[in-house]
Amino acid sequence: MSNIKALFNPSDGQELSTQQILGLIGLAALTAAAITWVPIINWLDYPFRLLLTIVHELSHGLAAILTGGHFRNFIIAPNGSGLAYTAGGWRLIVIPAGYLGVAIFAAGLIMLGRSRRWSRIALGVIGAAMILFSLWFGLPAQASVQAVVNSVLGIAMGVIFGVIFLKIALRAGDGLIIFFLHLLAIKAGFTAFSDLFAVIGLSTRPGPVPRTDAHSMAELTHLPAVFWGLVWAAIALVLIGGAIWVTWLKGD
């Protein structure tokens, strides 16, 4: 127990060794797995679900802006689903940006997570961005009760997570920074693949099914939705696997 405490609270001026960082990553992985699959604490998964839905929808919006379009707003539903309202831009980029944005988010955190300095900076930047984007793009586009409820949820969760990230970035010790950043990265990786596997499953199911980004891509390209689900899953695997390899497995 004392060794675990030492990982989270190293002595002043003491640098975390590579072995200690890997130990924190292992604890983060165990925590992420427990939150995801252990029923008694599975309720802790809900805030992460909402957070990563925000990342998904903001990725659609950012892709629209970067390709010359407009990002009107986004909403988050209580069940964890979301919707981004965009106009223009390159639809071939905007549509897959949601699922791939979560994978890029996970890969980026993995690569930054080896450095305690960049881990702290990353959490601070993410926190500030979550607050800014949630307040700017979270306002309802329609004057309906449901739209207002969904917008309030998106804004509230974005601001709450933003404040938490900023507080950790500014006040937490190096050990907690490394642990929390990798917990977020691993949960993002889990979500990227679980969502894409769900998309693939829905794409192969007969009869009426919930509409996904893969169905939108199929309408645009005339290629089956399952094809796009598989392509996006392969890209996510390359992104996250590549980040792990470059950060931890590749020789210096």
Foldseek 3Di string as FASTA:
>chain_A
DVVVVCLFPPDVPDDQDPVSLVVLLVVLLVVLCCCCPPVVNVVVCQLLLQVLLLQLQVQLQVQQVVQPWHWAAKFADSVSHIDTDIGDGDLVRNLLRRLVSLLLLLLVLLLQLVDLLSLLVVLLVQLVVLQVRLVVRLCFPDPDPRSRVRSVVSNVSSNVSSVVSNCCSVPGDSSVSSNVSSSSSVNSLVCSQVVLVVQLVQQPDDDDDDDGSLVVVCVVPVDGSNVVSVVSNVVSCCSNVVSCCVRPPDDD
